[in-house]
Amino acid sequence: MSQISETSPKHCAKKGGFSINNRRKKLFFTLSIFFSGLLLIILLIWLILHPAKPEFSLTEANIYTLNLSSSTTHVLNSSIQLTLFSKNPNRKVGIYYDKLLVYAAYRGQQITSEASLPPFYQSQEEVNLLTAFLQGTELPVAQSFGYQIVRDRSAGRVIIGMKMDGKLRWKIGTFVSGAYRFNVNCVALVDFGPNMTTAPLGSIQGTRCSTDI
């Protein structure tokens, strides 16, 4: 008499459940490998290209106004125009500038309000001209400001700093990175002799700026 083997419904349920779980694990494993490989490719491209920092240079700084409105309250009125060159030194990487805030400083003190420059895209090895007109109205300054500006004026030269804070993104092919903060610091040497009363007072020479990301 032959034996008849039967599989119970309980065993069938277990077998089916095991098969479904296997499919999910295989799908998860395949997706994990795919995304890991994609991230690895992006990382390798990033390391090979290694984007260089953008380069800035201050070509001109013109002072129209730089006066203490009161020697007792120590507040300053100022108006300064800056001209900058911005260069992307990368041959295969573009740069998106999403945010640019510029202001002028004197001996560590901010002497103008922040001016916002429009965002723009800078392609490979492109050079752009940036201009900013900075103003300060009733800005509080240190008590020593009046003494320092008089002393520098007697010496015939004033050192004005230009500072820029912003955010940028790198573009490599179709890939665009996340946003990175960056800071730019420039120094302008301006003729400011005791007999010079006609505005604007212009910078003597251009200067290369330092960029930190």
C-alpha atoms as a PDB file:
ATOM      1  CA  MET A   1       0.000   0.000   0.000  1.00  0.00           C
ATOM      2  CA  SER A   2       1.533   3.304  -1.098  1.00  0.00           C
ATOM      3  CA  GLN A   3       1.996   6.196   1.275  1.00  0.00           C
ATOM      4  CA  ILE A   4       0.394   9.539   0.558  1.00  0.00           C
ATOM      5  CA  SER A   5       2.286  12.616   1.731  1.00  0.00           C
ATOM      6  CA  GLU A   6       0.253  15.720   2.426  1.00  0.00           C
ATOM      7  CA  THR A   7       1.461  19.208   3.366  1.00  0.00           C
ATOM      8  CA  SER A   8      -0.621  20.915   5.968  1.00  0.00           C
ATOM      9  CA  PRO A   9      -1.931  24.470   5.397  1.00  0.00           C
ATOM     10  CA  LYS A  10       0.276  25.560   8.289  1.00  0.00           C
ATOM     11  CA  HIS A  11       3.408  24.347   6.485  1.00  0.00           C
ATOM     12  CA  CYS A  12       2.330  26.070   3.268  1.00  0.00           C
ATOM     13  CA  ALA A  13       1.888  29.374   5.100  1.00  0.00           C
ATOM     14  CA  LYS A  14       5.372  29.097   6.546  1.00  0.00           C
ATOM     15  CA  LYS A  15       6.870  28.337   3.156  1.00  0.00           C
ATOM     16  CA  GLY A  16       5.083  31.250   1.494  1.00  0.00           C
ATOM     17  CA  GLY A  17       6.087  33.653   4.266  1.00  0.00           C
ATOM     18  CA  PHE A  18       9.710  32.561   3.977  1.00  0.00           C
ATOM     19  CA  SER A  19       9.635  33.250   0.215  1.00  0.00           C
ATOM     20  CA  ILE A  20       8.176  36.766   0.692  1.00  0.00           C
ATOM     21  CA  ASN A  21      10.771  37.628   3.306  1.00  0.00           C
ATOM     22  CA  ASN A  22      13.497  36.418   0.971  1.00  0.00           C
ATOM     23  CA  ARG A  23      12.254  38.708  -1.821  1.00  0.00           C
ATOM     24  CA  ARG A  24      12.222  41.698   0.506  1.00  0.00           C
ATOM     25  CA  LYS A  25      15.743  40.987   1.689  1.00  0.00           C
ATOM     26  CA  LYS A  26      16.980  40.609  -1.895  1.00  0.00           C
ATOM     27  CA  LEU A  27      15.290  43.887  -2.924  1.00  0.00           C
ATOM     28  CA  PHE A  28      16.742  45.722   0.064  1.00  0.00           C
ATOM     29  CA  PHE A  29      20.180  44.261  -0.619  1.00  0.00           C
ATOM     30  CA  THR A  30      20.022  45.246  -4.316  1.00  0.00           C
ATOM     31  CA  LEU A  31      18.929  48.828  -3.516  1.00  0.00           C
ATOM     32  CA  SER A  32      21.635  49.136  -0.868  1.00  0.00           C
ATOM     33  CA  ILE A  33      24.319  48.060  -3.338  1.00  0.00           C
ATOM     34  CA  PHE A  34      22.974  50.457  -5.986  1.00  0.00           C
ATOM     35  CA  PHE A  35      22.904  53.551  -3.738  1.00  0.00           C
ATOM     36  CA  SER A  36      26.241  52.665  -2.137  1.00  0.00           C
ATOM     37  CA  GLY A  37      27.789  52.368  -5.595  1.00  0.00           C
ATOM     38  CA  LEU A  38      26.254  55.681  -6.661  1.00  0.00           C
ATOM     39  CA  LEU A  39      27.611  57.469  -3.587  1.00  0.00           C
ATOM     40  CA  LEU A  40      31.014  55.896  -4.149  1.00  0.00           C
ATOM     41  CA  ILE A  41      31.100  57.136  -7.756  1.00  0.00           C
ATOM     42  CA  ILE A  42      30.158  60.679  -6.654  1.00  0.00           C
ATOM     43  CA  LEU A  43      32.828  60.588  -3.950  1.00  0.00           C
ATOM     44  CA  LEU A  44      35.480  59.399  -6.412  1.00  0.00           C
ATOM     45  CA  ILE A  45      34.562  62.143  -8.898  1.00  0.00           C
ATOM     46  CA  TRP A  46      34.729  64.693  -6.063  1.00  0.00           C
ATOM     47  CA  LEU A  47      38.147  63.485  -4.913  1.00  0.00           C
ATOM     48  CA  ILE A  48      39.554  63.360  -8.440  1.00  0.00           C
ATOM     49  CA  LEU A  49      38.348  66.838  -9.415  1.00  0.00           C
ATOM     50  CA  HIS A  50      38.901  68.352  -5.939  1.00  0.00           C
ATOM     51  CA  PRO A  51      37.350  71.829  -6.441  1.00  0.00           C
ATOM     52  CA  ALA A  52      39.648  74.763  -5.702  1.00  0.00           C
ATOM     53  CA  LYS A  53      38.432  77.775  -3.738  1.00  0.00           C
ATOM     54  CA  PRO A  54      37.170  80.774  -5.730  1.00  0.00           C
ATOM     55  CA  GLU A  55      39.582  83.686  -6.017  1.00  0.00           C
ATOM     56  CA  PHE A  56      38.682  87.299  -5.241  1.00  0.00           C
ATOM     57  CA  SER A  57      40.646  90.502  -5.702  1.00  0.00           C
ATOM     58  CA  LEU A  58      39.740  94.033  -4.677  1.00  0.00           C
ATOM     59  CA  THR A  59      40.567  96.291  -7.614  1.00  0.00           C
ATOM     60  CA  GLU A  60      39.186  99.579  -6.322  1.00  0.00           C
ATOM     61  CA  ALA A  61      37.764 101.186  -3.199  1.00  0.00           C
ATOM     62  CA  ASN A  62      36.429 104.745  -3.255  1.00  0.00           C
ATOM     63  CA  ILE A  63      35.514 106.571  -0.054  1.00  0.00           C
ATOM     64  CA  TYR A  64      32.824 109.220  -0.521  1.00  0.00           C
ATOM     65  CA  THR A  65      31.923 109.797   3.119  1.00  0.00           C
ATOM     66  CA  LEU A  66      33.632 108.856   6.373  1.00  0.00           C
ATOM     67  CA  ASN A  67      32.603 111.274   9.089  1.00  0.00           C
ATOM     68  CA  LEU A  68      31.757 111.138  12.757  1.00  0.00           C
ATOM     69  CA  SER A  69      28.426 112.881  13.164  1.00  0.00           C
ATOM     70  CA  SER A  70      29.198 113.682  16.797  1.00  0.00           C
ATOM     71  CA  SER A  71      32.318 113.409  18.928  1.00  0.00           C
ATOM     72  CA  THR A  72      30.213 112.741  22.008  1.00  0.00           C
ATOM     73  CA  THR A  73      27.830 110.051  20.729  1.00  0.00           C
ATOM     74  CA  HIS A  74      30.472 108.297  18.557  1.00  0.00           C
ATOM     75  CA  VAL A  75      28.298 107.485  15.561  1.00  0.00           C
ATOM     76  CA  LEU A  76      29.549 107.313  11.980  1.00  0.00           C
ATOM     77  CA  ASN A  77      28.162 108.154   8.550  1.00  0.00           C
ATOM     78  CA  SER A  78      29.899 106.479   5.622  1.00  0.00           C
ATOM     79  CA  SER A  79      29.585 105.694   1.926  1.00  0.00           C
ATOM     80  CA  ILE A  80      32.114 103.513   0.100  1.00  0.00           C
ATOM     81  CA  GLN A  81      32.097 101.939  -3.351  1.00  0.00           C
ATOM     82  CA  LEU A  82      33.973  98.686  -3.938  1.00  0.00           C
ATOM     83  CA  THR A  83      34.914  96.906  -7.157  1.00  0.00           C
ATOM     84  CA  LEU A  84      35.894  93.236  -7.039  1.00  0.00           C
ATOM     85  CA  PHE A  85      36.975  90.546  -9.453  1.00  0.00           C
ATOM     86  CA  SER A  86      35.727  87.024  -8.797  1.00  0.00           C
ATOM     87  CA  LYS A  87      37.360  84.062 -10.554  1.00  0.00           C
ATOM     88  CA  ASN A  88      36.506  80.379 -10.657  1.00  0.00           C
ATOM     89  CA  PRO A  89      39.923  78.653 -11.062  1.00  0.00           C
ATOM     90  CA  ASN A  90      38.411  75.203 -11.692  1.00  0.00           C
ATOM     91  CA  ARG A  91      38.476  73.723 -15.197  1.00  0.00           C
ATOM     92  CA  LYS A  92      35.680  71.185 -14.635  1.00  0.00           C
ATOM     93  CA  VAL A  93      33.679  72.598 -11.735  1.00  0.00           C
ATOM     94  CA  GLY A  94      31.105  75.407 -11.760  1.00  0.00           C
ATOM     95  CA  ILE A  95      30.057  77.480  -8.750  1.00  0.00           C
ATOM     96  CA  TYR A  96      26.617  78.670  -7.658  1.00  0.00           C
ATOM     97  CA  TYR A  97      26.765  81.724  -5.375  1.00  0.00           C
ATOM     98  CA  ASP A  98      23.504  81.665  -3.430  1.00  0.00           C
ATOM     99  CA  LYS A  99      24.140  84.444  -0.933  1.00  0.00           C
ATOM    100  CA  LEU A 100      26.629  87.325  -0.808  1.00  0.00           C
ATOM    101  CA  LEU A 101      26.757  89.949   1.945  1.00  0.00           C
ATOM    102  CA  VAL A 102      29.429  92.661   1.794  1.00  0.00           C
ATOM    103  CA  TYR A 103      30.478  95.342   4.274  1.00  0.00           C
ATOM    104  CA  ALA A 104      33.494  97.554   4.991  1.00  0.00           C
ATOM    105  CA  ALA A 105      35.536  97.652   8.182  1.00  0.00           C
ATOM    106  CA  TYR A 106      38.187  99.885   9.717  1.00  0.00           C
ATOM    107  CA  ARG A 107      40.527  98.601  12.424  1.00  0.00           C
ATOM    108  CA  GLY A 108      38.189  95.720  13.220  1.00  0.00           C
ATOM    109  CA  GLN A 109      35.078  97.938  13.362  1.00  0.00           C
ATOM    110  CA  GLN A 110      32.210  97.633  10.893  1.00  0.00           C
ATOM    111  CA  ILE A 111      31.787 101.049   9.261  1.00  0.00           C
ATOM    112  CA  THR A 112      28.984 100.314   6.752  1.00  0.00           C
ATOM    113  CA  SER A 113      25.799  98.309   6.766  1.00  0.00           C
ATOM    114  CA  GLU A 114      25.747  94.971   4.927  1.00  0.00           C
ATOM    115  CA  ALA A 115      24.901  95.116   1.230  1.00  0.00           C
ATOM    116  CA  SER A 116      23.422  92.098  -0.523  1.00  0.00           C
ATOM    117  CA  LEU A 117      24.720  91.108  -3.973  1.00  0.00           C
ATOM    118  CA  PRO A 118      22.467  89.143  -6.359  1.00  0.00           C
ATOM    119  CA  PRO A 119      23.116  85.371  -6.603  1.00  0.00           C
ATOM    120  CA  PHE A 120      24.770  84.124  -9.787  1.00  0.00           C
ATOM    121  CA  TYR A 121      26.368  81.100 -11.456  1.00  0.00           C
ATOM    122  CA  GLN A 122      30.064  81.107 -12.368  1.00  0.00           C
ATOM    123  CA  SER A 123      31.136  78.585 -14.990  1.00  0.00           C
ATOM    124  CA  GLN A 124      34.554  76.964 -15.298  1.00  0.00           C
ATOM    125  CA  GLU A 125      37.474  79.453 -15.289  1.00  0.00           C
ATOM    126  CA  GLU A 126      35.041  82.367 -15.609  1.00  0.00           C
ATOM    127  CA  VAL A 127      35.840  85.840 -14.251  1.00  0.00           C
ATOM    128  CA  ASN A 128      33.103  88.204 -13.032  1.00  0.00           C
ATOM    129  CA  LEU A 129      33.152  91.855 -12.020  1.00  0.00           C
ATOM    130  CA  LEU A 130      31.261  92.651  -8.806  1.00  0.00           C
ATOM    131  CA  THR A 131      30.441  96.142  -7.542  1.00  0.00           C
ATOM    132  CA  ALA A 132      28.899  97.172  -4.249  1.00  0.00           C
ATOM    133  CA  PHE A 133      27.921 100.580  -2.893  1.00  0.00           C
ATOM    134  CA  LEU A 134      28.095 100.447   0.899  1.00  0.00           C
ATOM    135  CA  GLN A 135      26.529 102.950   3.255  1.00  0.00           C
ATOM    136  CA  GLY A 136      26.394 103.466   6.967  1.00  0.00           C
ATOM    137  CA  THR A 137      24.055 105.847   8.757  1.00  0.00           C
ATOM    138  CA  GLU A 138      24.515 106.662  12.424  1.00  0.00           C
ATOM    139  CA  LEU A 139      26.562 103.500  13.028  1.00  0.00           C
ATOM    140  CA  PRO A 140      28.002 103.294  16.567  1.00  0.00           C
ATOM    141  CA  VAL A 141      31.796 103.101  16.714  1.00  0.00           C
ATOM    142  CA  ALA A 142      34.380 102.859  19.477  1.00  0.00           C
ATOM    143  CA  GLN A 143      35.441 105.987  21.314  1.00  0.00           C
ATOM    144  CA  SER A 144      38.940 105.618  19.872  1.00  0.00           C
ATOM    145  CA  PHE A 145      37.660 105.819  16.275  1.00  0.00           C
ATOM    146  CA  GLY A 146      38.025 109.609  16.020  1.00  0.00           C
ATOM    147  CA  TYR A 147      41.587 109.546  17.331  1.00  0.00           C
ATOM    148  CA  GLN A 148      42.586 106.668  15.022  1.00  0.00           C
ATOM    149  CA  ILE A 149      41.158 108.238  11.854  1.00  0.00           C
ATOM    150  CA  VAL A 150      42.833 111.578  12.609  1.00  0.00           C
ATOM    151  CA  ARG A 151      46.164 109.841  13.202  1.00  0.00           C
ATOM    152  CA  ASP A 152      45.898 107.834   9.948  1.00  0.00           C
ATOM    153  CA  ARG A 153      44.841 110.925   8.037  1.00  0.00           C
ATOM    154  CA  SER A 154      47.908 112.772   9.315  1.00  0.00           C
ATOM    155  CA  ALA A 155      50.031 109.827   8.138  1.00  0.00           C
ATOM    156  CA  GLY A 156      48.378 110.150   4.721  1.00  0.00           C
ATOM    157  CA  ARG A 157      46.888 106.657   4.378  1.00  0.00           C
ATOM    158  CA  VAL A 158      43.909 104.735   5.683  1.00  0.00           C
ATOM    159  CA  ILE A 159      43.546 100.954   5.555  1.00  0.00           C
ATOM    160  CA  ILE A 160      39.991  99.864   4.765  1.00  0.00           C
ATOM    161  CA  GLY A 161      38.937  96.226   5.018  1.00  0.00           C
ATOM    162  CA  MET A 162      36.285  94.607   2.841  1.00  0.00           C
ATOM    163  CA  LYS A 163      34.540  91.512   4.157  1.00  0.00           C
ATOM    164  CA  MET A 164      32.167  89.185   2.362  1.00  0.00           C
ATOM    165  CA  ASP A 165      30.102  86.364   3.848  1.00  0.00           C
ATOM    166  CA  GLY A 166      28.220  83.976   1.617  1.00  0.00           C
ATOM    167  CA  LYS A 167      27.101  80.511   0.603  1.00  0.00           C
ATOM    168  CA  LEU A 168      28.158  78.556  -2.475  1.00  0.00           C
ATOM    169  CA  ARG A 169      27.474  75.206  -4.151  1.00  0.00           C
ATOM    170  CA  TRP A 170      29.766  73.223  -6.443  1.00  0.00           C
ATOM    171  CA  LYS A 171      28.468  71.915  -9.786  1.00  0.00           C
ATOM    172  CA  ILE A 172      30.253  68.863 -11.226  1.00  0.00           C
ATOM    173  CA  GLY A 173      28.533  67.707 -14.412  1.00  0.00           C
ATOM    174  CA  THR A 174      24.890  67.332 -13.422  1.00  0.00           C
ATOM    175  CA  PHE A 175      25.708  66.845  -9.740  1.00  0.00           C
ATOM    176  CA  VAL A 176      25.253  69.882  -7.452  1.00  0.00           C
ATOM    177  CA  SER A 177      26.649  69.743  -3.922  1.00  0.00           C
ATOM    178  CA  GLY A 178      25.105  71.061  -0.740  1.00  0.00           C
ATOM    179  CA  ALA A 179      25.684  74.646   0.403  1.00  0.00           C
ATOM    180  CA  TYR A 180      29.021  75.683   1.923  1.00  0.00           C
ATOM    181  CA  ARG A 181      29.649  78.865   3.884  1.00  0.00           C
ATOM    182  CA  PHE A 182      32.610  80.973   2.829  1.00  0.00           C
ATOM    183  CA  ASN A 183      34.295  84.194   3.971  1.00  0.00           C
ATOM    184  CA  VAL A 184      36.375  86.680   1.988  1.00  0.00           C
ATOM    185  CA  ASN A 185      38.726  89.271   3.491  1.00  0.00           C
ATOM    186  CA  CYS A 186      40.342  92.093   1.485  1.00  0.00           C
ATOM    187  CA  VAL A 187      42.418  95.137   2.401  1.00  0.00           C
ATOM    188  CA  ALA A 188      42.503  98.464   0.538  1.00  0.00           C
ATOM    189  CA  LEU A 189      45.124 101.166   1.061  1.00  0.00           C
ATOM    190  CA  VAL A 190      43.518 104.577   0.530  1.00  0.00           C
ATOM    191  CA  ASP A 191      45.264 107.973   0.210  1.00  0.00           C
ATOM    192  CA  PHE A 192      43.795 110.130   2.956  1.00  0.00           C
ATOM    193  CA  GLY A 193      46.127 113.073   3.447  1.00  0.00           C
ATOM    194  CA  PRO A 194      45.270 116.189   5.509  1.00  0.00           C
ATOM    195  CA  ASN A 195      44.972 118.314   2.361  1.00  0.00           C
ATOM    196  CA  MET A 196      42.735 115.891   0.490  1.00  0.00           C
ATOM    197  CA  THR A 197      39.174 117.106   0.846  1.00  0.00           C
ATOM    198  CA  THR A 198      37.596 116.224  -2.508  1.00  0.00           C
ATOM    199  CA  ALA A 199      35.614 112.974  -2.669  1.00  0.00           C
ATOM    200  CA  PRO A 200      36.010 110.258  -3.650  1.00  0.00           C
ATOM    201  CA  LEU A 201      39.272 109.137  -2.114  1.00  0.00           C
ATOM    202  CA  GLY A 202      40.487 106.142  -4.081  1.00  0.00           C
ATOM    203  CA  SER A 203      42.592 103.124  -3.200  1.00  0.00           C
ATOM    204  CA  ILE A 204      46.233 103.250  -4.282  1.00  0.00           C
ATOM    205  CA  GLN A 205      46.454  99.706  -5.627  1.00  0.00           C
ATOM    206  CA  GLY A 206      44.464  96.524  -5.970  1.00  0.00           C
ATOM    207  CA  THR A 207      44.916  93.639  -3.596  1.00  0.00           C
ATOM    208  CA  ARG A 208      44.281  89.906  -3.613  1.00  0.00           C
ATOM    209  CA  CYS A 209      41.830  88.675  -1.012  1.00  0.00           C
ATOM    210  CA  SER A 210      41.876  85.602   1.211  1.00  0.00           C
ATOM    211  CA  THR A 211      39.025  83.091   0.977  1.00  0.00           C
ATOM    212  CA  ASP A 212      38.031  80.560   3.649  1.00  0.00           C
ATOM    213  CA  ILE A 213      35.457  77.792   3.206  1.00  0.00           C
END
